[in-house]
Amino acid sequence: MDEVAGAIADPIRREILEMLDGQQLTAGDIAARFEISRPAISRHLRVLRESGLVRAELVGRQRVYALDTEPLGELADWITRFGRNAWERRFDALETEVYRTRREHRAAADQETARENTA
């Protein structure tokens, strides 16, 4: 999980992953979309390959890169745990507010009924 988190910590690597979502690209295709050197793109691709987030297949003389999202699963599960607790607290606060509002509406309706009965 640390290797995957380290790989996606870099904005260029995240952009490469987004580019590979739903398509396969060569290193040249990927490098052409950035204003950094091809060796720098190759280093980013190596980090992504070593983390398991991309696969490289040799087609003729070119490497074709494809996205593999499976290594993101463990990291996504870990992040979701924190998000779930935050949502549970928000739903608890919302539930409390709904009960308080209903109680106030019932009290107001009871007072109105009492006024009508005494008039």
Protein backbone atom coordinates (compact mmCIF):
# COMPACT_ATOMS: atom_id res chain seq x y z
CA MET A 1 0.00 0.00 0.00
CA ASP A 2 2.89 2.39 0.74
CA GLU A 3 4.33 1.85 -2.73
CA VAL A 4 0.96 2.62 -4.34
CA ALA A 5 0.46 5.71 -2.15
CA GLY A 6 3.95 6.91 -3.06
CA ALA A 7 3.28 6.35 -6.75
CA ILE A 8 0.07 8.36 -6.80
CA ALA A 9 1.53 11.14 -4.63
CA ASP A 10 3.05 12.73 -7.73
CA PRO A 11 0.68 14.83 -9.91
CA ILE A 12 2.33 13.75 -13.17
CA ARG A 13 1.90 10.08 -12.28
CA ARG A 14 -1.75 10.70 -11.39
CA GLU A 15 -2.22 12.41 -14.76
CA ILE A 16 -0.61 9.43 -16.51
CA LEU A 17 -3.02 7.10 -14.71
CA GLU A 18 -5.96 9.24 -15.85
CA MET A 19 -4.64 9.15 -19.43
CA LEU A 20 -4.46 5.35 -19.31
CA ASP A 21 -7.99 4.98 -17.96
CA GLY A 22 -9.82 3.16 -20.74
CA GLN A 23 -6.98 3.15 -23.26
CA GLN A 24 -3.52 1.83 -23.88
CA LEU A 25 -0.74 4.21 -24.88
CA THR A 26 2.89 3.96 -25.83
CA ALA A 27 5.56 5.77 -23.84
CA GLY A 28 5.92 8.17 -26.77
CA ASP A 29 2.18 8.95 -26.75
CA ILE A 30 2.36 9.65 -23.01
CA ALA A 31 5.53 11.74 -23.26
CA ALA A 32 4.05 13.84 -26.08
CA ARG A 33 1.36 15.14 -23.72
CA PHE A 34 3.83 16.57 -21.18
CA GLU A 35 6.36 19.37 -21.31
CA ILE A 36 8.99 17.35 -19.47
CA SER A 37 11.74 15.17 -20.93
CA ARG A 38 11.13 11.62 -22.15
CA PRO A 39 13.62 10.23 -19.60
CA ALA A 40 11.57 11.91 -16.84
CA ILE A 41 8.39 10.29 -18.20
CA SER A 42 10.22 6.96 -18.34
CA ARG A 43 11.11 7.32 -14.64
CA HIS A 44 7.47 8.05 -13.80
CA LEU A 45 6.35 5.03 -15.81
CA ARG A 46 8.93 2.85 -14.03
CA VAL A 47 7.55 3.94 -10.63
CA LEU A 48 4.00 3.19 -11.82
CA ARG A 49 5.09 -0.22 -13.17
CA GLU A 50 6.90 -1.14 -9.95
CA SER A 51 3.83 -0.21 -7.89
CA GLY A 52 1.68 -2.43 -10.14
CA LEU A 53 -0.53 0.43 -11.31
CA VAL A 54 0.46 0.06 -14.96
CA ARG A 55 1.41 -2.91 -17.08
CA ALA A 56 3.76 -2.67 -20.03
CA GLU A 57 3.50 -4.99 -22.99
CA LEU A 58 6.09 -5.11 -25.73
CA VAL A 59 4.37 -4.72 -29.12
CA GLY A 60 6.92 -4.75 -31.90
CA ARG A 61 9.56 -2.28 -30.82
CA GLN A 62 7.28 -0.25 -28.56
CA ARG A 63 6.05 -0.69 -25.01
CA VAL A 64 2.32 -0.23 -24.68
CA TYR A 65 1.13 0.81 -21.22
CA ALA A 66 -2.19 -0.10 -19.67
CA LEU A 67 -3.77 0.83 -16.34
CA ASP A 68 -4.24 -1.79 -13.62
CA THR A 69 -6.47 -0.47 -10.81
CA GLU A 70 -6.29 -3.57 -8.64
CA PRO A 71 -3.46 -2.24 -6.42
CA LEU A 72 -5.62 0.82 -5.62
CA GLY A 73 -8.21 -1.38 -3.89
CA GLU A 74 -6.39 -1.75 -0.58
CA LEU A 75 -5.60 1.97 -0.46
CA ALA A 76 -9.19 2.90 -1.37
CA ASP A 77 -10.51 0.61 1.41
CA TRP A 78 -8.17 2.24 3.92
CA ILE A 79 -9.22 5.77 2.90
CA THR A 80 -12.91 4.83 2.91
CA ARG A 81 -12.72 3.85 6.59
CA PHE A 82 -12.00 7.45 7.51
CA GLY A 83 -14.67 8.80 5.23
CA ARG A 84 -17.30 6.41 6.66
CA ASN A 85 -16.71 7.67 10.21
CA ALA A 86 -17.08 11.27 9.07
CA TRP A 87 -20.35 10.45 7.29
CA GLU A 88 -21.68 8.55 10.31
CA ARG A 89 -21.08 11.62 12.51
CA ARG A 90 -22.84 13.84 9.97
CA PHE A 91 -25.83 11.49 9.76
CA ASP A 92 -26.03 11.35 13.57
CA ALA A 93 -26.05 15.17 13.69
CA LEU A 94 -28.74 15.27 10.98
CA GLU A 95 -30.87 12.72 12.86
CA THR A 96 -30.59 14.79 16.04
CA GLU A 97 -31.66 17.92 14.15
CA VAL A 98 -34.66 16.12 12.59
CA TYR A 99 -35.84 14.91 16.03
CA ARG A 100 -35.41 18.39 17.55
CA THR A 101 -37.37 20.02 14.69
CA ARG A 102 -40.19 17.46 14.95
CA ARG A 103 -40.39 17.99 18.74
CA GLU A 104 -40.61 21.77 18.26
CA HIS A 105 -43.35 21.37 15.62
CA ARG A 106 -45.34 19.05 17.91
CA ALA A 107 -44.99 21.50 20.83
CA ALA A 108 -46.15 24.39 18.62
CA ALA A 109 -49.14 22.35 17.38
CA ASP A 110 -50.07 21.39 20.98
CA GLN A 111 -49.97 25.07 22.05
CA GLU A 112 -52.18 26.04 19.08
CA THR A 113 -54.69 23.32 19.99
CA ALA A 114 -54.71 24.45 23.64
CA ARG A 115 -55.39 28.07 22.57
CA GLU A 116 -58.27 26.96 20.32
CA ASN A 117 -59.82 24.90 23.14
CA THR A 118 -59.67 27.79 25.65
CA ALA A 119 -61.06 30.41 23.27
